[in-house]
Amino acid sequence: MTGEPEKLHCFKVENKFIVKSGCKKRMWRSLKQILATDRALPWPNDAVLYYSINAPPTFKPTKKYSDISGLPAPYVDRHSKLYYSNADEFATVRSLPMDITAGYLQLRGATTIVG
């Protein structure tokens, strides 16, 4: 071997994202900590900033899915308030006892009282 320096390949380069200070690795910061440091920076007046984790309410209607099969449901039973997608499911919905119907409504999070 001659006195040439050994060539470093890109896959052998040490990971740049792990920062070591002493013997400990630096811990990840939480989202609240990151947002707090971003607020402290001097931003221009026209900069778009995302300080809130919560999203605004959507204007699109929520999609309704069948309580029996999970398919998209364009129909609602008037008596039980359960969603169904076809005639076979409608027959099933009508044959269900009241306690099973109440269980389906509770799973969906509907607060209507079956009566």
PDB file of N, CA and C in Angstrom:
ATOM      1  N   MET A   1       0.834  -1.170   0.000  1.00  0.00           N
ATOM      2  CA  MET A   1       0.000   0.000   0.000  1.00  0.00           C
ATOM      3  C   MET A   1       0.882   1.237   0.000  1.00  0.00           C
ATOM      4  N   THR A   2       0.418   2.165  -0.751  1.00  0.00           N
ATOM      5  CA  THR A   2       1.147   3.424  -0.818  1.00  0.00           C
ATOM      6  C   THR A   2       0.647   4.357   0.269  1.00  0.00           C
ATOM      7  N   GLY A   3       1.163   5.530   0.351  1.00  0.00           N
ATOM      8  CA  GLY A   3       0.806   6.471   1.395  1.00  0.00           C
ATOM      9  C   GLY A   3      -0.454   7.272   1.085  1.00  0.00           C
ATOM     10  N   GLU A   4      -1.366   6.728   0.250  1.00  0.00           N
ATOM     11  CA  GLU A   4      -2.585   7.462  -0.085  1.00  0.00           C
ATOM     12  C   GLU A   4      -3.577   7.414   1.078  1.00  0.00           C
ATOM     13  N   PRO A   5      -4.277   8.522   1.324  1.00  0.00           N
ATOM     14  CA  PRO A   5      -5.294   8.484   2.385  1.00  0.00           C
ATOM     15  C   PRO A   5      -6.478   7.612   1.962  1.00  0.00           C
ATOM     16  N   GLU A   6      -7.072   6.963   2.940  1.00  0.00           N
ATOM     17  CA  GLU A   6      -8.184   6.053   2.669  1.00  0.00           C
ATOM     18  C   GLU A   6      -9.429   6.866   2.317  1.00  0.00           C
ATOM     19  N   LYS A   7     -10.114   6.470   1.241  1.00  0.00           N
ATOM     20  CA  LYS A   7     -11.303   7.186   0.777  1.00  0.00           C
ATOM     21  C   LYS A   7     -12.507   6.790   1.629  1.00  0.00           C
ATOM     22  N   LEU A   8     -13.235   7.798   2.147  1.00  0.00           N
ATOM     23  CA  LEU A   8     -14.441   7.528   2.931  1.00  0.00           C
ATOM     24  C   LEU A   8     -15.640   7.454   2.006  1.00  0.00           C
ATOM     25  N   HIS A   9     -16.406   6.419   2.148  1.00  0.00           N
ATOM     26  CA  HIS A   9     -17.617   6.264   1.349  1.00  0.00           C
ATOM     27  C   HIS A   9     -18.783   6.910   2.094  1.00  0.00           C
ATOM     28  N   CYS A  10     -19.799   7.342   1.324  1.00  0.00           N
ATOM     29  CA  CYS A  10     -20.910   8.062   1.933  1.00  0.00           C
ATOM     30  C   CYS A  10     -21.699   7.191   2.904  1.00  0.00           C
ATOM     31  N   PHE A  11     -21.738   5.874   2.705  1.00  0.00           N
ATOM     32  CA  PHE A  11     -22.466   5.019   3.624  1.00  0.00           C
ATOM     33  C   PHE A  11     -21.674   4.738   4.900  1.00  0.00           C
ATOM     34  N   LYS A  12     -20.412   5.111   4.941  1.00  0.00           N
ATOM     35  CA  LYS A  12     -19.612   4.910   6.135  1.00  0.00           C
ATOM     36  C   LYS A  12     -19.502   6.167   6.986  1.00  0.00           C
ATOM     37  N   VAL A  13     -20.079   7.271   6.510  1.00  0.00           N
ATOM     38  CA  VAL A  13     -20.011   8.523   7.249  1.00  0.00           C
ATOM     39  C   VAL A  13     -20.881   8.402   8.495  1.00  0.00           C
ATOM     40  N   GLU A  14     -20.395   8.947   9.582  1.00  0.00           N
ATOM     41  CA  GLU A  14     -21.129   8.873  10.840  1.00  0.00           C
ATOM     42  C   GLU A  14     -22.461   9.597  10.713  1.00  0.00           C
ATOM     43  N   ASN A  15     -23.475   9.084  11.374  1.00  0.00           N
ATOM     44  CA  ASN A  15     -24.811   9.662  11.329  1.00  0.00           C
ATOM     45  C   ASN A  15     -24.780  11.080  11.899  1.00  0.00           C
ATOM     46  N   LYS A  16     -25.240  12.053  11.118  1.00  0.00           N
ATOM     47  CA  LYS A  16     -25.185  13.446  11.525  1.00  0.00           C
ATOM     48  C   LYS A  16     -26.362  13.848  12.411  1.00  0.00           C
ATOM     49  N   PHE A  17     -27.419  13.015  12.467  1.00  0.00           N
ATOM     50  CA  PHE A  17     -28.616  13.381  13.203  1.00  0.00           C
ATOM     51  C   PHE A  17     -28.530  13.022  14.682  1.00  0.00           C
ATOM     52  N   ILE A  18     -27.620  12.151  15.071  1.00  0.00           N
ATOM     53  CA  ILE A  18     -27.435  11.804  16.475  1.00  0.00           C
ATOM     54  C   ILE A  18     -26.360  12.716  17.034  1.00  0.00           C
ATOM     55  N   VAL A  19     -26.744  13.519  17.984  1.00  0.00           N
ATOM     56  CA  VAL A  19     -25.805  14.469  18.581  1.00  0.00           C
ATOM     57  C   VAL A  19     -25.397  13.920  19.939  1.00  0.00           C
ATOM     58  N   LYS A  20     -24.107  13.779  20.137  1.00  0.00           N
ATOM     59  CA  LYS A  20     -23.618  13.260  21.411  1.00  0.00           C
ATOM     60  C   LYS A  20     -22.972  14.398  22.182  1.00  0.00           C
ATOM     61  N   SER A  21     -23.357  14.518  23.428  1.00  0.00           N
ATOM     62  CA  SER A  21     -22.702  15.494  24.301  1.00  0.00           C
ATOM     63  C   SER A  21     -22.178  14.717  25.500  1.00  0.00           C
ATOM     64  N   GLY A  22     -20.890  14.536  25.555  1.00  0.00           N
ATOM     65  CA  GLY A  22     -20.312  13.676  26.597  1.00  0.00           C
ATOM     66  C   GLY A  22     -20.586  12.232  26.246  1.00  0.00           C
ATOM     67  N   CYS A  23     -21.179  11.487  27.170  1.00  0.00           N
ATOM     68  CA  CYS A  23     -21.542  10.103  26.881  1.00  0.00           C
ATOM     69  C   CYS A  23     -23.023   9.939  26.576  1.00  0.00           C
ATOM     70  N   LYS A  24     -23.814  10.992  26.751  1.00  0.00           N
ATOM     71  CA  LYS A  24     -25.253  10.875  26.537  1.00  0.00           C
ATOM     72  C   LYS A  24     -25.635  11.380  25.153  1.00  0.00           C
ATOM     73  N   LYS A  25     -26.669  10.750  24.590  1.00  0.00           N
ATOM     74  CA  LYS A  25     -27.236  11.239  23.347  1.00  0.00           C
ATOM     75  C   LYS A  25     -28.277  12.297  23.696  1.00  0.00           C
ATOM     76  N   ARG A  26     -28.419  13.282  22.850  1.00  0.00           N
ATOM     77  CA  ARG A  26     -29.385  14.343  23.090  1.00  0.00           C
ATOM     78  C   ARG A  26     -30.798  13.797  22.914  1.00  0.00           C
ATOM     79  N   MET A  27     -31.673  14.156  23.809  1.00  0.00           N
ATOM     80  CA  MET A  27     -33.051  13.677  23.766  1.00  0.00           C
ATOM     81  C   MET A  27     -33.846  14.488  22.750  1.00  0.00           C
ATOM     82  N   TRP A  28     -34.878  13.877  22.197  1.00  0.00           N
ATOM     83  CA  TRP A  28     -35.768  14.564  21.279  1.00  0.00           C
ATOM     84  C   TRP A  28     -36.615  15.558  22.047  1.00  0.00           C
ATOM     85  N   ARG A  29     -36.929  16.685  21.416  1.00  0.00           N
ATOM     86  CA  ARG A  29     -37.773  17.687  22.041  1.00  0.00           C
ATOM     87  C   ARG A  29     -39.235  17.414  21.701  1.00  0.00           C
ATOM     88  N   SER A  30     -40.126  17.783  22.605  1.00  0.00           N
ATOM     89  CA  SER A  30     -41.548  17.593  22.348  1.00  0.00           C
ATOM     90  C   SER A  30     -42.042  18.694  21.413  1.00  0.00           C
ATOM     91  N   LEU A  31     -43.254  18.519  20.900  1.00  0.00           N
ATOM     92  CA  LEU A  31     -43.821  19.497  19.989  1.00  0.00           C
ATOM     93  C   LEU A  31     -44.054  20.832  20.683  1.00  0.00           C
ATOM     94  N   LYS A  32     -44.439  20.809  21.930  1.00  0.00           N
ATOM     95  CA  LYS A  32     -44.640  22.056  22.673  1.00  0.00           C
ATOM     96  C   LYS A  32     -43.332  22.829  22.823  1.00  0.00           C
ATOM     97  N   GLN A  33     -42.240  22.130  23.044  1.00  0.00           N
ATOM     98  CA  GLN A  33     -40.942  22.787  23.164  1.00  0.00           C
ATOM     99  C   GLN A  33     -40.516  23.400  21.827  1.00  0.00           C
ATOM    100  N   ILE A  34     -40.771  22.689  20.739  1.00  0.00           N
ATOM    101  CA  ILE A  34     -40.415  23.197  19.424  1.00  0.00           C
ATOM    102  C   ILE A  34     -41.236  24.444  19.096  1.00  0.00           C
ATOM    103  N   LEU A  35     -42.531  24.413  19.395  1.00  0.00           N
ATOM    104  CA  LEU A  35     -43.379  25.572  19.126  1.00  0.00           C
ATOM    105  C   LEU A  35     -42.979  26.770  19.984  1.00  0.00           C
ATOM    106  N   ALA A  36     -42.584  26.517  21.222  1.00  0.00           N
ATOM    107  CA  ALA A  36     -42.164  27.615  22.094  1.00  0.00           C
ATOM    108  C   ALA A  36     -40.893  28.279  21.570  1.00  0.00           C
ATOM    109  N   THR A  37     -39.950  27.505  21.061  1.00  0.00           N
ATOM    110  CA  THR A  37     -38.738  28.100  20.508  1.00  0.00           C
ATOM    111  C   THR A  37     -39.021  28.828  19.195  1.00  0.00           C
ATOM    112  N   ASP A  38     -39.981  28.318  18.407  1.00  0.00           N
ATOM    113  CA  ASP A  38     -40.338  29.001  17.167  1.00  0.00           C
ATOM    114  C   ASP A  38     -40.997  30.346  17.432  1.00  0.00           C
ATOM    115  N   ARG A  39     -41.780  30.446  18.499  1.00  0.00           N
ATOM    116  CA  ARG A  39     -42.421  31.718  18.837  1.00  0.00           C
ATOM    117  C   ARG A  39     -41.392  32.778  19.224  1.00  0.00           C
ATOM    118  N   ALA A  40     -40.291  32.347  19.799  1.00  0.00           N
ATOM    119  CA  ALA A  40     -39.276  33.291  20.267  1.00  0.00           C
ATOM    120  C   ALA A  40     -38.420  33.853  19.123  1.00  0.00           C
ATOM    121  N   LEU A  41     -38.439  33.202  17.962  1.00  0.00           N
ATOM    122  CA  LEU A  41     -37.615  33.662  16.835  1.00  0.00           C
ATOM    123  C   LEU A  41     -38.223  34.907  16.186  1.00  0.00           C
ATOM    124  N   PRO A  42     -37.383  35.786  15.635  1.00  0.00           N
ATOM    125  CA  PRO A  42     -37.912  36.984  14.962  1.00  0.00           C
ATOM    126  C   PRO A  42     -38.401  36.634  13.550  1.00  0.00           C
ATOM    127  N   TRP A  43     -39.708  36.515  13.375  1.00  0.00           N
ATOM    128  CA  TRP A  43     -40.298  36.168  12.083  1.00  0.00           C
ATOM    129  C   TRP A  43     -40.750  37.435  11.366  1.00  0.00           C
ATOM    130  N   PRO A  44     -40.708  37.452  10.026  1.00  0.00           N
ATOM    131  CA  PRO A  44     -41.269  38.599   9.305  1.00  0.00           C
ATOM    132  C   PRO A  44     -42.790  38.657   9.481  1.00  0.00           C
ATOM    133  N   ASN A  45     -43.375  39.823   9.240  1.00  0.00           N
ATOM    134  CA  ASN A  45     -44.812  40.003   9.473  1.00  0.00           C
ATOM    135  C   ASN A  45     -45.680  39.163   8.550  1.00  0.00           C
ATOM    136  N   ASP A  46     -45.212  38.849   7.344  1.00  0.00           N
ATOM    137  CA  ASP A  46     -46.027  38.098   6.400  1.00  0.00           C
ATOM    138  C   ASP A  46     -45.758  36.588   6.441  1.00  0.00           C
ATOM    139  N   ALA A  47     -45.033  36.107   7.426  1.00  0.00           N
ATOM    140  CA  ALA A  47     -44.722  34.676   7.532  1.00  0.00           C
ATOM    141  C   ALA A  47     -45.946  33.905   8.006  1.00  0.00           C
ATOM    142  N   VAL A  48     -46.136  32.703   7.437  1.00  0.00           N
ATOM    143  CA  VAL A  48     -47.221  31.820   7.841  1.00  0.00           C
ATOM    144  C   VAL A  48     -46.694  30.923   8.946  1.00  0.00           C
ATOM    145  N   LEU A  49     -47.320  30.970  10.115  1.00  0.00           N
ATOM    146  CA  LEU A  49     -46.859  30.197  11.265  1.00  0.00           C
ATOM    147  C   LEU A  49     -47.949  29.238  11.718  1.00  0.00           C
ATOM    148  N   TYR A  50     -47.542  28.100  12.218  1.00  0.00           N
ATOM    149  CA  TYR A  50     -48.475  27.078  12.670  1.00  0.00           C
ATOM    150  C   TYR A  50     -48.247  26.842  14.159  1.00  0.00           C
ATOM    151  N   TYR A  51     -48.895  27.641  14.987  1.00  0.00           N
ATOM    152  CA  TYR A  51     -48.715  27.525  16.428  1.00  0.00           C
ATOM    153  C   TYR A  51     -49.732  26.612  17.078  1.00  0.00           C
ATOM    154  N   SER A  52     -50.807  26.320  16.410  1.00  0.00           N
ATOM    155  CA  SER A  52     -51.858  25.513  17.012  1.00  0.00           C
ATOM    156  C   SER A  52     -51.801  24.094  16.464  1.00  0.00           C
ATOM    157  N   ILE A  53     -51.922  23.138  17.343  1.00  0.00           N
ATOM    158  CA  ILE A  53     -51.941  21.735  16.931  1.00  0.00           C
ATOM    159  C   ILE A  53     -53.323  21.382  16.392  1.00  0.00           C
ATOM    160  N   ASN A  54     -54.364  22.026  16.911  1.00  0.00           N
ATOM    161  CA  ASN A  54     -55.735  21.726  16.515  1.00  0.00           C
ATOM    162  C   ASN A  54     -56.036  22.298  15.136  1.00  0.00           C
ATOM    163  N   ALA A  55     -56.766  21.535  14.348  1.00  0.00           N
ATOM    164  CA  ALA A  55     -57.156  21.975  13.015  1.00  0.00           C
ATOM    165  C   ALA A  55     -58.521  22.654  13.081  1.00  0.00           C
ATOM    166  N   PRO A  56     -58.790  23.563  12.186  1.00  0.00           N
ATOM    167  CA  PRO A  56     -60.113  24.189  12.183  1.00  0.00           C
ATOM    168  C   PRO A  56     -61.166  23.186  11.728  1.00  0.00           C
ATOM    169  N   PRO A  57     -62.428  23.431  12.022  1.00  0.00           N
ATOM    170  CA  PRO A  57     -63.471  22.486  11.607  1.00  0.00           C
ATOM    171  C   PRO A  57     -63.603  22.451  10.084  1.00  0.00           C
ATOM    172  N   THR A  58     -63.938  21.306   9.562  1.00  0.00           N
ATOM    173  CA  THR A  58     -64.070  21.133   8.126  1.00  0.00           C
ATOM    174  C   THR A  58     -65.472  21.541   7.678  1.00  0.00           C
ATOM    175  N   PHE A  59     -65.577  21.962   6.434  1.00  0.00           N
ATOM    176  CA  PHE A  59     -66.873  22.327   5.875  1.00  0.00           C
ATOM    177  C   PHE A  59     -67.485  21.186   5.077  1.00  0.00           C
ATOM    178  N   LYS A  60     -66.745  20.114   4.871  1.00  0.00           N
ATOM    179  CA  LYS A  60     -67.264  18.960   4.147  1.00  0.00           C
ATOM    180  C   LYS A  60     -68.161  18.134   5.072  1.00  0.00           C
ATOM    181  N   PRO A  61     -69.239  17.572   4.550  1.00  0.00           N
ATOM    182  CA  PRO A  61     -70.066  16.712   5.396  1.00  0.00           C
ATOM    183  C   PRO A  61     -69.331  15.410   5.715  1.00  0.00           C
ATOM    184  N   THR A  62     -69.607  14.870   6.879  1.00  0.00           N
ATOM    185  CA  THR A  62     -68.940  13.631   7.275  1.00  0.00           C
ATOM    186  C   THR A  62     -69.476  12.470   6.453  1.00  0.00           C
ATOM    187  N   LYS A  63     -68.619  11.523   6.174  1.00  0.00           N
ATOM    188  CA  LYS A  63     -69.036  10.351   5.422  1.00  0.00           C
ATOM    189  C   LYS A  63     -69.764   9.398   6.363  1.00  0.00           C
ATOM    190  N   LYS A  64     -70.818   8.784   5.850  1.00  0.00           N
ATOM    191  CA  LYS A  64     -71.615   7.848   6.649  1.00  0.00           C
ATOM    192  C   LYS A  64     -71.333   6.440   6.147  1.00  0.00           C
ATOM    193  N   TYR A  65     -71.067   5.553   7.092  1.00  0.00           N
ATOM    194  CA  TYR A  65     -70.777   4.162   6.765  1.00  0.00           C
ATOM    195  C   TYR A  65     -71.798   3.262   7.445  1.00  0.00           C
ATOM    196  N   SER A  66     -72.061   2.131   6.807  1.00  0.00           N
ATOM    197  CA  SER A  66     -73.045   1.185   7.323  1.00  0.00           C
ATOM    198  C   SER A  66     -72.618   0.657   8.681  1.00  0.00           C
ATOM    199  N   ASP A  67     -73.570   0.575   9.605  1.00  0.00           N
ATOM    200  CA  ASP A  67     -73.282   0.031  10.930  1.00  0.00           C
ATOM    201  C   ASP A  67     -73.108  -1.480  10.887  1.00  0.00           C
ATOM    202  N   ILE A  68     -73.619  -2.120   9.856  1.00  0.00           N
ATOM    203  CA  ILE A  68     -73.546  -3.582   9.756  1.00  0.00           C
ATOM    204  C   ILE A  68     -72.278  -4.019   9.021  1.00  0.00           C
ATOM    205  N   SER A  69     -72.036  -3.457   7.817  1.00  0.00           N
ATOM    206  CA  SER A  69     -70.940  -3.955   6.980  1.00  0.00           C
ATOM    207  C   SER A  69     -69.746  -3.013   6.892  1.00  0.00           C
ATOM    208  N   GLY A  70     -69.922  -1.730   7.175  1.00  0.00           N
ATOM    209  CA  GLY A  70     -68.832  -0.779   7.061  1.00  0.00           C
ATOM    210  C   GLY A  70     -68.702  -0.170   5.673  1.00  0.00           C
ATOM    211  N   LEU A  71     -69.605  -0.502   4.757  1.00  0.00           N
ATOM    212  CA  LEU A  71     -69.605   0.079   3.411  1.00  0.00           C
ATOM    213  C   LEU A  71     -70.204   1.480   3.459  1.00  0.00           C
ATOM    214  N   PRO A  72     -69.943   2.320   2.444  1.00  0.00           N
ATOM    215  CA  PRO A  72     -70.595   3.641   2.420  1.00  0.00           C
ATOM    216  C   PRO A  72     -72.115   3.482   2.429  1.00  0.00           C
ATOM    217  N   ALA A  73     -72.786   4.231   3.292  1.00  0.00           N
ATOM    218  CA  ALA A  73     -74.212   4.043   3.517  1.00  0.00           C
ATOM    219  C   ALA A  73     -75.007   5.289   3.119  1.00  0.00           C
ATOM    220  N   PRO A  74     -75.739   5.204   2.022  1.00  0.00           N
ATOM    221  CA  PRO A  74     -76.566   6.352   1.636  1.00  0.00           C
ATOM    222  C   PRO A  74     -77.927   6.378   2.333  1.00  0.00           C
ATOM    223  N   TYR A  75     -78.275   5.340   3.095  1.00  0.00           N
ATOM    224  CA  TYR A  75     -79.610   5.238   3.686  1.00  0.00           C
ATOM    225  C   TYR A  75     -79.554   5.187   5.205  1.00  0.00           C
ATOM    226  N   VAL A  76     -80.646   5.680   5.836  1.00  0.00           N
ATOM    227  CA  VAL A  76     -80.789   5.635   7.287  1.00  0.00           C
ATOM    228  C   VAL A  76     -82.165   5.054   7.608  1.00  0.00           C
ATOM    229  N   ASP A  77     -82.215   4.083   8.514  1.00  0.00           N
ATOM    230  CA  ASP A  77     -83.493   3.528   8.954  1.00  0.00           C
ATOM    231  C   ASP A  77     -84.181   4.541   9.860  1.00  0.00           C
ATOM    232  N   ARG A  78     -85.454   4.837   9.597  1.00  0.00           N
ATOM    233  CA  ARG A  78     -86.171   5.844  10.370  1.00  0.00           C
ATOM    234  C   ARG A  78     -86.414   5.418  11.808  1.00  0.00           C
ATOM    235  N   HIS A  79     -86.672   4.146  12.011  1.00  0.00           N
ATOM    236  CA  HIS A  79     -87.018   3.679  13.353  1.00  0.00           C
ATOM    237  C   HIS A  79     -85.806   3.516  14.252  1.00  0.00           C
ATOM    238  N   SER A  80     -84.765   2.888  13.741  1.00  0.00           N
ATOM    239  CA  SER A  80     -83.608   2.591  14.592  1.00  0.00           C
ATOM    240  C   SER A  80     -82.473   3.604  14.450  1.00  0.00           C
ATOM    241  N   LYS A  81     -82.504   4.452  13.419  1.00  0.00           N
ATOM    242  CA  LYS A  81     -81.458   5.448  13.135  1.00  0.00           C
ATOM    243  C   LYS A  81     -80.122   4.806  12.768  1.00  0.00           C
ATOM    244  N   LEU A  82     -80.140   3.543  12.342  1.00  0.00           N
ATOM    245  CA  LEU A  82     -78.922   2.865  11.901  1.00  0.00           C
ATOM    246  C   LEU A  82     -78.718   3.116  10.411  1.00  0.00           C
ATOM    247  N   TYR A  83     -77.445   3.213   9.999  1.00  0.00           N
ATOM    248  CA  TYR A  83     -77.104   3.377   8.589  1.00  0.00           C
ATOM    249  C   TYR A  83     -77.016   2.009   7.938  1.00  0.00           C
ATOM    250  N   TYR A  84     -77.477   1.922   6.664  1.00  0.00           N
ATOM    251  CA  TYR A  84     -77.351   0.674   5.910  1.00  0.00           C
ATOM    252  C   TYR A  84     -77.069   1.011   4.463  1.00  0.00           C
ATOM    253  N   SER A  85     -76.534   0.041   3.704  1.00  0.00           N
ATOM    254  CA  SER A  85     -76.114   0.327   2.336  1.00  0.00           C
ATOM    255  C   SER A  85     -76.934  -0.377   1.269  1.00  0.00           C
ATOM    256  N   ASN A  86     -77.658  -1.432   1.612  1.00  0.00           N
ATOM    257  CA  ASN A  86     -78.460  -2.118   0.589  1.00  0.00           C
ATOM    258  C   ASN A  86     -79.686  -2.766   1.238  1.00  0.00           C
ATOM    259  N   ALA A  87     -80.502  -3.423   0.422  1.00  0.00           N
ATOM    260  CA  ALA A  87     -81.765  -3.999   0.902  1.00  0.00           C
ATOM    261  C   ALA A  87     -81.537  -5.158   1.871  1.00  0.00           C
ATOM    262  N   ASP A  88     -80.486  -5.942   1.659  1.00  0.00           N
ATOM    263  CA  ASP A  88     -80.205  -7.057   2.573  1.00  0.00           C
ATOM    264  C   ASP A  88     -79.873  -6.536   3.972  1.00  0.00           C
ATOM    265  N   GLU A  89     -79.097  -5.475   4.034  1.00  0.00           N
ATOM    266  CA  GLU A  89     -78.771  -4.888   5.341  1.00  0.00           C
ATOM    267  C   GLU A  89     -80.001  -4.252   5.978  1.00  0.00           C
ATOM    268  N   PHE A  90     -80.896  -3.697   5.155  1.00  0.00           N
ATOM    269  CA  PHE A  90     -82.119  -3.125   5.700  1.00  0.00           C
ATOM    270  C   PHE A  90     -82.957  -4.198   6.391  1.00  0.00           C
ATOM    271  N   ALA A  91     -83.053  -5.382   5.783  1.00  0.00           N
ATOM    272  CA  ALA A  91     -83.786  -6.481   6.408  1.00  0.00           C
ATOM    273  C   ALA A  91     -83.105  -6.899   7.708  1.00  0.00           C
ATOM    274  N   THR A  92     -81.791  -6.891   7.725  1.00  0.00           N
ATOM    275  CA  THR A  92     -81.055  -7.237   8.944  1.00  0.00           C
ATOM    276  C   THR A  92     -81.287  -6.201  10.032  1.00  0.00           C
ATOM    277  N   VAL A  93     -81.258  -4.910   9.663  1.00  0.00           N
ATOM    278  CA  VAL A  93     -81.449  -3.827  10.629  1.00  0.00           C
ATOM    279  C   VAL A  93     -82.841  -3.914  11.243  1.00  0.00           C
ATOM    280  N   ARG A  94     -83.855  -4.201  10.427  1.00  0.00           N
ATOM    281  CA  ARG A  94     -85.220  -4.280  10.935  1.00  0.00           C
ATOM    282  C   ARG A  94     -85.433  -5.499  11.837  1.00  0.00           C
ATOM    283  N   SER A  95     -84.640  -6.561  11.636  1.00  0.00           N
ATOM    284  CA  SER A  95     -84.816  -7.767  12.454  1.00  0.00           C
ATOM    285  C   SER A  95     -84.024  -7.732  13.760  1.00  0.00           C
ATOM    286  N   LEU A  96     -83.190  -6.705  13.972  1.00  0.00           N
ATOM    287  CA  LEU A  96     -82.373  -6.641  15.188  1.00  0.00           C
ATOM    288  C   LEU A  96     -83.225  -6.249  16.391  1.00  0.00           C
ATOM    289  N   PRO A  97     -82.970  -6.857  17.553  1.00  0.00           N
ATOM    290  CA  PRO A  97     -83.668  -6.426  18.763  1.00  0.00           C
ATOM    291  C   PRO A  97     -83.174  -5.044  19.221  1.00  0.00           C
ATOM    292  N   MET A  98     -83.931  -4.412  20.109  1.00  0.00           N
ATOM    293  CA  MET A  98     -83.642  -3.044  20.537  1.00  0.00           C
ATOM    294  C   MET A  98     -82.307  -2.927  21.268  1.00  0.00           C
ATOM    295  N   ASP A  99     -81.918  -3.928  22.056  1.00  0.00           N
ATOM    296  CA  ASP A  99     -80.655  -3.823  22.791  1.00  0.00           C
ATOM    297  C   ASP A  99     -79.452  -3.885  21.841  1.00  0.00           C
ATOM    298  N   ILE A 100     -79.542  -4.679  20.773  1.00  0.00           N
ATOM    299  CA  ILE A 100     -78.462  -4.730  19.779  1.00  0.00           C
ATOM    300  C   ILE A 100     -78.400  -3.405  19.016  1.00  0.00           C
ATOM    301  N   THR A 101     -79.555  -2.859  18.676  1.00  0.00           N
ATOM    302  CA  THR A 101     -79.608  -1.569  17.982  1.00  0.00           C
ATOM    303  C   THR A 101     -78.997  -0.471  18.851  1.00  0.00           C
ATOM    304  N   ALA A 102     -79.324  -0.470  20.128  1.00  0.00           N
ATOM    305  CA  ALA A 102     -78.750   0.516  21.048  1.00  0.00           C
ATOM    306  C   ALA A 102     -77.240   0.334  21.152  1.00  0.00           C
ATOM    307  N   GLY A 103     -76.764  -0.901  21.101  1.00  0.00           N
ATOM    308  CA  GLY A 103     -75.326  -1.158  21.134  1.00  0.00           C
ATOM    309  C   GLY A 103     -74.625  -0.610  19.906  1.00  0.00           C
ATOM    310  N   TYR A 104     -75.231  -0.781  18.716  1.00  0.00           N
ATOM    311  CA  TYR A 104     -74.660  -0.227  17.492  1.00  0.00           C
ATOM    312  C   TYR A 104     -74.603   1.295  17.561  1.00  0.00           C
ATOM    313  N   LEU A 105     -75.684   1.915  18.064  1.00  0.00           N
ATOM    314  CA  LEU A 105     -75.699   3.372  18.179  1.00  0.00           C
ATOM    315  C   LEU A 105     -74.651   3.862  19.175  1.00  0.00           C
ATOM    316  N   GLN A 106     -74.455   3.114  20.240  1.00  0.00           N
ATOM    317  CA  GLN A 106     -73.450   3.498  21.236  1.00  0.00           C
ATOM    318  C   GLN A 106     -72.041   3.368  20.653  1.00  0.00           C
ATOM    319  N   LEU A 107     -71.791   2.338  19.856  1.00  0.00           N
ATOM    320  CA  LEU A 107     -70.485   2.181  19.212  1.00  0.00           C
ATOM    321  C   LEU A 107     -70.203   3.322  18.246  1.00  0.00           C
ATOM    322  N   ARG A 108     -71.217   3.767  17.548  1.00  0.00           N
ATOM    323  CA  ARG A 108     -71.054   4.856  16.603  1.00  0.00           C
ATOM    324  C   ARG A 108     -70.943   6.198  17.298  1.00  0.00           C
ATOM    325  N   GLY A 109     -71.420   6.279  18.532  1.00  0.00           N
ATOM    326  CA  GLY A 109     -71.371   7.545  19.276  1.00  0.00           C
ATOM    327  C   GLY A 109     -72.598   8.376  19.061  1.00  0.00           C
ATOM    328  N   ALA A 110     -73.672   7.798  18.539  1.00  0.00           N
ATOM    329  CA  ALA A 110     -74.917   8.532  18.342  1.00  0.00           C
ATOM    330  C   ALA A 110     -75.636   8.651  19.674  1.00  0.00           C
ATOM    331  N   THR A 111     -76.188   9.818  19.938  1.00  0.00           N
ATOM    332  CA  THR A 111     -76.855  10.048  21.234  1.00  0.00           C
ATOM    333  C   THR A 111     -78.357   9.976  21.126  1.00  0.00           C
ATOM    334  N   THR A 112     -78.864   9.560  19.974  1.00  0.00           N
ATOM    335  CA  THR A 112     -80.315   9.490  19.818  1.00  0.00           C
ATOM    336  C   THR A 112     -80.867   8.316  20.605  1.00  0.00           C
ATOM    337  N   ILE A 113     -82.027   8.511  21.159  1.00  0.00           N
ATOM    338  CA  ILE A 113     -82.688   7.459  21.933  1.00  0.00           C
ATOM    339  C   ILE A 113     -83.602   6.677  20.994  1.00  0.00           C
ATOM    340  N   VAL A 114     -83.422   5.365  20.987  1.00  0.00           N
ATOM    341  CA  VAL A 114     -84.245   4.517  20.139  1.00  0.00           C
ATOM    342  C   VAL A 114     -85.606   4.379  20.792  1.00  0.00           C
ATOM    343  N   GLY A 115     -86.678   4.640  20.042  1.00  0.00           N
ATOM    344  CA  GLY A 115     -88.004   4.575  20.645  1.00  0.00           C
ATOM    345  C   GLY A 115     -89.066   4.103  19.756  1.00  0.00           C
TER     346      GLY A 115
END
